[in-house]
Amino acid sequence: MIRIRDTGIGIPQEKLPHIFEPFYRVSKSRTRKTGGAGLGLAVVKTIIERHGWSISVNSTVGVGTEFVIHLYKSEL
């Protein structure tokens, strides 16, 4: 298991189901100059799932966000 945690602004619960969608950005006020293209988490999830692993996320607004990658042995 790999845990990645921050103490940032957090993500509202109603937005969490969408954060792995391509081009999705939690804050619509961000532009590509300030907030990326919205592809990073979609790419991360694809790579993780292609290895037979999974990723989950927990977040609290004003506290931070934690991503957990569950590593499993893939069968060849």
PDB file of N, CA and C in Angstrom:
ATOM      1  N   MET A   1       0.842  -1.160   0.000  1.00  0.00           N
ATOM      2  CA  MET A   1       0.000   0.000   0.000  1.00  0.00           C
ATOM      3  C   MET A   1       0.897   1.236   0.000  1.00  0.00           C
ATOM      4  N   ILE A   2       0.541   2.202  -0.817  1.00  0.00           N
ATOM      5  CA  ILE A   2       1.235   3.488  -0.869  1.00  0.00           C
ATOM      6  C   ILE A   2       0.220   4.568  -0.518  1.00  0.00           C
ATOM      7  N   ARG A   3       0.566   5.417   0.426  1.00  0.00           N
ATOM      8  CA  ARG A   3      -0.310   6.526   0.826  1.00  0.00           C
ATOM      9  C   ARG A   3       0.358   7.846   0.451  1.00  0.00           C
ATOM     10  N   ILE A   4      -0.426   8.711  -0.175  1.00  0.00           N
ATOM     11  CA  ILE A   4       0.042  10.055  -0.508  1.00  0.00           C
ATOM     12  C   ILE A   4      -0.949  11.020   0.139  1.00  0.00           C
ATOM     13  N   ARG A   5      -0.451  11.862   1.037  1.00  0.00           N
ATOM     14  CA  ARG A   5      -1.330  12.732   1.814  1.00  0.00           C
ATOM     15  C   ARG A   5      -0.829  14.166   1.753  1.00  0.00           C
ATOM     16  N   ASP A   6      -1.784  15.105   1.705  1.00  0.00           N
ATOM     17  CA  ASP A   6      -1.399  16.509   1.797  1.00  0.00           C
ATOM     18  C   ASP A   6      -2.255  17.199   2.857  1.00  0.00           C
ATOM     19  N   THR A   7      -1.896  18.419   3.156  1.00  0.00           N
ATOM     20  CA  THR A   7      -2.663  19.222   4.103  1.00  0.00           C
ATOM     21  C   THR A   7      -3.181  20.461   3.388  1.00  0.00           C
ATOM     22  N   GLY A   8      -3.641  20.257   2.167  1.00  0.00           N
ATOM     23  CA  GLY A   8      -4.126  21.362   1.348  1.00  0.00           C
ATOM     24  C   GLY A   8      -5.571  21.706   1.641  1.00  0.00           C
ATOM     25  N   ILE A   9      -6.231  22.278   0.649  1.00  0.00           N
ATOM     26  CA  ILE A   9      -7.597  22.778   0.821  1.00  0.00           C
ATOM     27  C   ILE A   9      -8.645  21.675   0.842  1.00  0.00           C
ATOM     28  N   GLY A  10      -8.292  20.477   0.395  1.00  0.00           N
ATOM     29  CA  GLY A  10      -9.247  19.369   0.373  1.00  0.00           C
ATOM     30  C   GLY A  10     -10.171  19.441  -0.829  1.00  0.00           C
ATOM     31  N   ILE A  11     -10.934  18.380  -1.019  1.00  0.00           N
ATOM     32  CA  ILE A  11     -11.865  18.265  -2.142  1.00  0.00           C
ATOM     33  C   ILE A  11     -13.249  17.999  -1.567  1.00  0.00           C
ATOM     34  N   PRO A  12     -14.264  18.764  -1.969  1.00  0.00           N
ATOM     35  CA  PRO A  12     -15.619  18.515  -1.473  1.00  0.00           C
ATOM     36  C   PRO A  12     -16.087  17.093  -1.811  1.00  0.00           C
ATOM     37  N   GLN A  13     -16.804  16.466  -0.899  1.00  0.00           N
ATOM     38  CA  GLN A  13     -17.260  15.089  -1.072  1.00  0.00           C
ATOM     39  C   GLN A  13     -18.036  14.871  -2.367  1.00  0.00           C
ATOM     40  N   GLU A  14     -18.849  15.834  -2.761  1.00  0.00           N
ATOM     41  CA  GLU A  14     -19.656  15.659  -3.976  1.00  0.00           C
ATOM     42  C   GLU A  14     -18.816  15.684  -5.254  1.00  0.00           C
ATOM     43  N   LYS A  15     -17.581  16.175  -5.156  1.00  0.00           N
ATOM     44  CA  LYS A  15     -16.684  16.235  -6.320  1.00  0.00           C
ATOM     45  C   LYS A  15     -15.813  14.986  -6.450  1.00  0.00           C
ATOM     46  N   LEU A  16     -15.623  14.249  -5.362  1.00  0.00           N
ATOM     47  CA  LEU A  16     -14.714  13.099  -5.363  1.00  0.00           C
ATOM     48  C   LEU A  16     -15.024  12.046  -6.432  1.00  0.00           C
ATOM     49  N   PRO A  17     -16.295  11.715  -6.711  1.00  0.00           N
ATOM     50  CA  PRO A  17     -16.553  10.691  -7.731  1.00  0.00           C
ATOM     51  C   PRO A  17     -16.062  11.077  -9.129  1.00  0.00           C
ATOM     52  N   HIS A  18     -15.756  12.347  -9.354  1.00  0.00           N
ATOM     53  CA  HIS A  18     -15.404  12.826 -10.690  1.00  0.00           C
ATOM     54  C   HIS A  18     -13.914  13.095 -10.903  1.00  0.00           C
ATOM     55  N   ILE A  19     -13.116  13.074  -9.848  1.00  0.00           N
ATOM     56  CA  ILE A  19     -11.738  13.553  -9.977  1.00  0.00           C
ATOM     57  C   ILE A  19     -10.850  12.710 -10.881  1.00  0.00           C
ATOM     58  N   PHE A  20     -11.249  11.470 -11.167  1.00  0.00           N
ATOM     59  CA  PHE A  20     -10.449  10.622 -12.053  1.00  0.00           C
ATOM     60  C   PHE A  20     -10.926  10.694 -13.505  1.00  0.00           C
ATOM     61  N   GLU A  21     -11.934  11.535 -13.782  1.00  0.00           N
ATOM     62  CA  GLU A  21     -12.431  11.705 -15.147  1.00  0.00           C
ATOM     63  C   GLU A  21     -11.486  12.612 -15.931  1.00  0.00           C
ATOM     64  N   PRO A  22     -11.196  12.256 -17.198  1.00  0.00           N
ATOM     65  CA  PRO A  22     -10.330  13.124 -18.005  1.00  0.00           C
ATOM     66  C   PRO A  22     -10.904  14.538 -18.133  1.00  0.00           C
ATOM     67  N   PHE A  23     -10.060  15.513 -17.998  1.00  0.00           N
ATOM     68  CA  PHE A  23     -10.362  16.942 -18.152  1.00  0.00           C
ATOM     69  C   PHE A  23     -11.221  17.520 -17.025  1.00  0.00           C
ATOM     70  N   TYR A  24     -11.484  16.750 -15.986  1.00  0.00           N
ATOM     71  CA  TYR A  24     -12.282  17.263 -14.870  1.00  0.00           C
ATOM     72  C   TYR A  24     -11.396  18.089 -13.947  1.00  0.00           C
ATOM     73  N   ARG A  25     -11.894  19.239 -13.549  1.00  0.00           N
ATOM     74  CA  ARG A  25     -11.216  20.082 -12.565  1.00  0.00           C
ATOM     75  C   ARG A  25     -12.210  20.437 -11.482  1.00  0.00           C
ATOM     76  N   VAL A  26     -11.822  20.266 -10.241  1.00  0.00           N
ATOM     77  CA  VAL A  26     -12.721  20.547  -9.122  1.00  0.00           C
ATOM     78  C   VAL A  26     -13.143  22.007  -9.146  1.00  0.00           C
ATOM     79  N   SER A  27     -12.186  22.898  -9.344  1.00  0.00           N
ATOM     80  CA  SER A  27     -12.481  24.329  -9.370  1.00  0.00           C
ATOM     81  C   SER A  27     -12.587  24.804 -10.814  1.00  0.00           C
ATOM     82  N   LYS A  28     -13.760  25.220 -11.206  1.00  0.00           N
ATOM     83  CA  LYS A  28     -13.969  25.704 -12.575  1.00  0.00           C
ATOM     84  C   LYS A  28     -13.279  27.039 -12.816  1.00  0.00           C
ATOM     85  N   SER A  29     -12.824  27.697 -11.747  1.00  0.00           N
ATOM     86  CA  SER A  29     -12.155  28.986 -11.909  1.00  0.00           C
ATOM     87  C   SER A  29     -10.699  28.824 -12.355  1.00  0.00           C
ATOM     88  N   ARG A  30     -10.179  27.612 -12.310  1.00  0.00           N
ATOM     89  CA  ARG A  30      -8.792  27.395 -12.726  1.00  0.00           C
ATOM     90  C   ARG A  30      -8.692  27.319 -14.244  1.00  0.00           C
ATOM     91  N   THR A  31      -7.601  27.824 -14.748  1.00  0.00           N
ATOM     92  CA  THR A  31      -7.326  27.725 -16.174  1.00  0.00           C
ATOM     93  C   THR A  31      -6.148  26.782 -16.356  1.00  0.00           C
ATOM     94  N   ARG A  32      -5.814  26.471 -17.590  1.00  0.00           N
ATOM     95  CA  ARG A  32      -4.658  25.611 -17.808  1.00  0.00           C
ATOM     96  C   ARG A  32      -3.380  26.276 -17.328  1.00  0.00           C
ATOM     97  N   LYS A  33      -3.354  27.607 -17.308  1.00  0.00           N
ATOM     98  CA  LYS A  33      -2.171  28.314 -16.810  1.00  0.00           C
ATOM     99  C   LYS A  33      -1.957  28.071 -15.322  1.00  0.00           C
ATOM    100  N   THR A  34      -3.056  28.013 -14.563  1.00  0.00           N
ATOM    101  CA  THR A  34      -2.925  27.911 -13.111  1.00  0.00           C
ATOM    102  C   THR A  34      -3.283  26.554 -12.547  1.00  0.00           C
ATOM    103  N   GLY A  35      -3.978  25.727 -13.304  1.00  0.00           N
ATOM    104  CA  GLY A  35      -4.450  24.487 -12.690  1.00  0.00           C
ATOM    105  C   GLY A  35      -4.316  23.227 -13.505  1.00  0.00           C
ATOM    106  N   GLY A  36      -3.552  23.230 -14.570  1.00  0.00           N
ATOM    107  CA  GLY A  36      -3.375  22.023 -15.362  1.00  0.00           C
ATOM    108  C   GLY A  36      -4.532  21.768 -16.311  1.00  0.00           C
ATOM    109  N   ALA A  37      -4.451  20.637 -17.006  1.00  0.00           N
ATOM    110  CA  ALA A  37      -5.453  20.292 -18.016  1.00  0.00           C
ATOM    111  C   ALA A  37      -6.514  19.345 -17.482  1.00  0.00           C
ATOM    112  N   GLY A  38      -6.357  18.862 -16.269  1.00  0.00           N
ATOM    113  CA  GLY A  38      -7.325  17.923 -15.728  1.00  0.00           C
ATOM    114  C   GLY A  38      -7.098  16.500 -16.200  1.00  0.00           C
ATOM    115  N   LEU A  39      -5.879  16.188 -16.601  1.00  0.00           N
ATOM    116  CA  LEU A  39      -5.573  14.840 -17.088  1.00  0.00           C
ATOM    117  C   LEU A  39      -4.769  14.000 -16.104  1.00  0.00           C
ATOM    118  N   GLY A  40      -4.095  14.612 -15.182  1.00  0.00           N
ATOM    119  CA  GLY A  40      -3.160  13.901 -14.315  1.00  0.00           C
ATOM    120  C   GLY A  40      -3.747  12.721 -13.581  1.00  0.00           C
ATOM    121  N   LEU A  41      -4.847  12.916 -12.865  1.00  0.00           N
ATOM    122  CA  LEU A  41      -5.420  11.820 -12.089  1.00  0.00           C
ATOM    123  C   LEU A  41      -6.026  10.749 -12.980  1.00  0.00           C
ATOM    124  N   ALA A  42      -6.540  11.125 -14.152  1.00  0.00           N
ATOM    125  CA  ALA A  42      -7.066  10.128 -15.091  1.00  0.00           C
ATOM    126  C   ALA A  42      -5.940   9.227 -15.585  1.00  0.00           C
ATOM    127  N   VAL A  43      -4.791   9.815 -15.884  1.00  0.00           N
ATOM    128  CA  VAL A  43      -3.630   9.041 -16.335  1.00  0.00           C
ATOM    129  C   VAL A  43      -3.129   8.141 -15.200  1.00  0.00           C
ATOM    130  N   VAL A  44      -3.030   8.682 -14.005  1.00  0.00           N
ATOM    131  CA  VAL A  44      -2.584   7.906 -12.847  1.00  0.00           C
ATOM    132  C   VAL A  44      -3.478   6.686 -12.644  1.00  0.00           C
ATOM    133  N   LYS A  45      -4.791   6.894 -12.659  1.00  0.00           N
ATOM    134  CA  LYS A  45      -5.724   5.783 -12.439  1.00  0.00           C
ATOM    135  C   LYS A  45      -5.586   4.725 -13.526  1.00  0.00           C
ATOM    136  N   THR A  46      -5.429   5.143 -14.770  1.00  0.00           N
ATOM    137  CA  THR A  46      -5.266   4.190 -15.869  1.00  0.00           C
ATOM    138  C   THR A  46      -4.015   3.336 -15.675  1.00  0.00           C
ATOM    139  N   ILE A  47      -2.917   3.967 -15.339  1.00  0.00           N
ATOM    140  CA  ILE A  47      -1.662   3.233 -15.129  1.00  0.00           C
ATOM    141  C   ILE A  47      -1.804   2.251 -13.967  1.00  0.00           C
ATOM    142  N   ILE A  48      -2.371   2.715 -12.873  1.00  0.00           N
ATOM    143  CA  ILE A  48      -2.542   1.864 -11.692  1.00  0.00           C
ATOM    144  C   ILE A  48      -3.418   0.657 -12.017  1.00  0.00           C
ATOM    145  N   GLU A  49      -4.540   0.878 -12.680  1.00  0.00           N
ATOM    146  CA  GLU A  49      -5.452  -0.224 -12.999  1.00  0.00           C
ATOM    147  C   GLU A  49      -4.854  -1.195 -14.013  1.00  0.00           C
ATOM    148  N   ARG A  50      -4.045  -0.712 -14.935  1.00  0.00           N
ATOM    149  CA  ARG A  50      -3.396  -1.603 -15.911  1.00  0.00           C
ATOM    150  C   ARG A  50      -2.376  -2.526 -15.251  1.00  0.00           C
ATOM    151  N   HIS A  51      -1.904  -2.143 -14.075  1.00  0.00           N
ATOM    152  CA  HIS A  51      -1.010  -3.005 -13.308  1.00  0.00           C
ATOM    153  C   HIS A  51      -1.784  -3.963 -12.401  1.00  0.00           C
ATOM    154  N   GLY A  52      -3.108  -3.879 -12.430  1.00  0.00           N
ATOM    155  CA  GLY A  52      -3.924  -4.741 -11.577  1.00  0.00           C
ATOM    156  C   GLY A  52      -4.072  -4.219 -10.159  1.00  0.00           C
ATOM    157  N   TRP A  53      -3.761  -2.958  -9.966  1.00  0.00           N
ATOM    158  CA  TRP A  53      -3.850  -2.345  -8.650  1.00  0.00           C
ATOM    159  C   TRP A  53      -5.117  -1.499  -8.587  1.00  0.00           C
ATOM    160  N   SER A  54      -5.321  -0.802  -7.470  1.00  0.00           N
ATOM    161  CA  SER A  54      -6.463   0.109  -7.347  1.00  0.00           C
ATOM    162  C   SER A  54      -6.035   1.363  -6.592  1.00  0.00           C
ATOM    163  N   ILE A  55      -6.829   2.408  -6.740  1.00  0.00           N
ATOM    164  CA  ILE A  55      -6.562   3.677  -6.054  1.00  0.00           C
ATOM    165  C   ILE A  55      -7.852   4.160  -5.420  1.00  0.00           C
ATOM    166  N   SER A  56      -7.739   4.695  -4.220  1.00  0.00           N
ATOM    167  CA  SER A  56      -8.890   5.289  -3.550  1.00  0.00           C
ATOM    168  C   SER A  56      -8.479   6.659  -3.013  1.00  0.00           C
ATOM    169  N   VAL A  57      -9.480   7.464  -2.687  1.00  0.00           N
ATOM    170  CA  VAL A  57      -9.203   8.815  -2.206  1.00  0.00           C
ATOM    171  C   VAL A  57     -10.163   9.158  -1.074  1.00  0.00           C
ATOM    172  N   ASN A  58      -9.637   9.842  -0.077  1.00  0.00           N
ATOM    173  CA  ASN A  58     -10.427  10.407   1.017  1.00  0.00           C
ATOM    174  C   ASN A  58     -10.005  11.856   1.149  1.00  0.00           C
ATOM    175  N   SER A  59     -10.978  12.727   1.385  1.00  0.00           N
ATOM    176  CA  SER A  59     -10.640  14.138   1.493  1.00  0.00           C
ATOM    177  C   SER A  59     -11.598  14.850   2.426  1.00  0.00           C
ATOM    178  N   THR A  60     -11.063  15.827   3.125  1.00  0.00           N
ATOM    179  CA  THR A  60     -11.866  16.689   3.988  1.00  0.00           C
ATOM    180  C   THR A  60     -11.510  18.127   3.653  1.00  0.00           C
ATOM    181  N   VAL A  61     -12.518  18.911   3.313  1.00  0.00           N
ATOM    182  CA  VAL A  61     -12.288  20.319   2.977  1.00  0.00           C
ATOM    183  C   VAL A  61     -11.664  21.025   4.176  1.00  0.00           C
ATOM    184  N   GLY A  62     -10.601  21.763   3.907  1.00  0.00           N
ATOM    185  CA  GLY A  62      -9.904  22.502   4.951  1.00  0.00           C
ATOM    186  C   GLY A  62      -8.887  21.683   5.724  1.00  0.00           C
ATOM    187  N   VAL A  63      -8.833  20.371   5.454  1.00  0.00           N
ATOM    188  CA  VAL A  63      -7.895  19.491   6.172  1.00  0.00           C
ATOM    189  C   VAL A  63      -6.875  18.887   5.224  1.00  0.00           C
ATOM    190  N   GLY A  64      -7.348  18.349   4.107  1.00  0.00           N
ATOM    191  CA  GLY A  64      -6.434  17.760   3.138  1.00  0.00           C
ATOM    192  C   GLY A  64      -7.000  16.534   2.460  1.00  0.00           C
ATOM    193  N   THR A  65      -6.167  15.907   1.642  1.00  0.00           N
ATOM    194  CA  THR A  65      -6.573  14.768   0.816  1.00  0.00           C
ATOM    195  C   THR A  65      -5.560  13.653   0.954  1.00  0.00           C
ATOM    196  N   GLU A  66      -6.060  12.414   0.905  1.00  0.00           N
ATOM    197  CA  GLU A  66      -5.186  11.248   0.940  1.00  0.00           C
ATOM    198  C   GLU A  66      -5.585  10.284  -0.170  1.00  0.00           C
ATOM    199  N   PHE A  67      -4.590   9.912  -0.981  1.00  0.00           N
ATOM    200  CA  PHE A  67      -4.767   8.890  -2.006  1.00  0.00           C
ATOM    201  C   PHE A  67      -4.080   7.631  -1.499  1.00  0.00           C
ATOM    202  N   VAL A  68      -4.730   6.484  -1.684  1.00  0.00           N
ATOM    203  CA  VAL A  68      -4.151   5.208  -1.279  1.00  0.00           C
ATOM    204  C   VAL A  68      -4.111   4.304  -2.503  1.00  0.00           C
ATOM    205  N   ILE A  69      -2.923   3.824  -2.827  1.00  0.00           N
ATOM    206  CA  ILE A  69      -2.740   2.889  -3.934  1.00  0.00           C
ATOM    207  C   ILE A  69      -2.546   1.510  -3.323  1.00  0.00           C
ATOM    208  N   HIS A  70      -3.419   0.586  -3.694  1.00  0.00           N
ATOM    209  CA  HIS A  70      -3.350  -0.789  -3.209  1.00  0.00           C
ATOM    210  C   HIS A  70      -2.635  -1.626  -4.259  1.00  0.00           C
ATOM    211  N   LEU A  71      -1.489  -2.176  -3.885  1.00  0.00           N
ATOM    212  CA  LEU A  71      -0.671  -2.964  -4.808  1.00  0.00           C
ATOM    213  C   LEU A  71      -1.010  -4.444  -4.650  1.00  0.00           C
ATOM    214  N   TYR A  72      -1.308  -5.087  -5.735  1.00  0.00           N
ATOM    215  CA  TYR A  72      -1.620  -6.508  -5.742  1.00  0.00           C
ATOM    216  C   TYR A  72      -0.690  -7.194  -6.713  1.00  0.00           C
ATOM    217  N   LYS A  73      -0.385  -8.430  -6.468  1.00  0.00           N
ATOM    218  CA  LYS A  73       0.406  -9.196  -7.422  1.00  0.00           C
ATOM    219  C   LYS A  73      -0.484  -9.546  -8.605  1.00  0.00           C
ATOM    220  N   SER A  74      -0.011  -9.217  -9.793  1.00  0.00           N
ATOM    221  CA  SER A  74      -0.779  -9.573 -10.973  1.00  0.00           C
ATOM    222  C   SER A  74      -0.380 -10.968 -11.431  1.00  0.00           C
ATOM    223  N   GLU A  75      -1.354 -11.685 -11.965  1.00  0.00           N
ATOM    224  CA  GLU A  75      -1.078 -13.034 -12.472  1.00  0.00           C
ATOM    225  C   GLU A  75      -0.654 -12.944 -13.926  1.00  0.00           C
ATOM    226  N   LEU A  76       0.424 -13.621 -14.287  1.00  0.00           N
ATOM    227  CA  LEU A  76       0.912 -13.606 -15.665  1.00  0.00           C
ATOM    228  C   LEU A  76       0.348 -14.768 -16.440  1.00  0.00           C
TER     229      LEU A  76
END
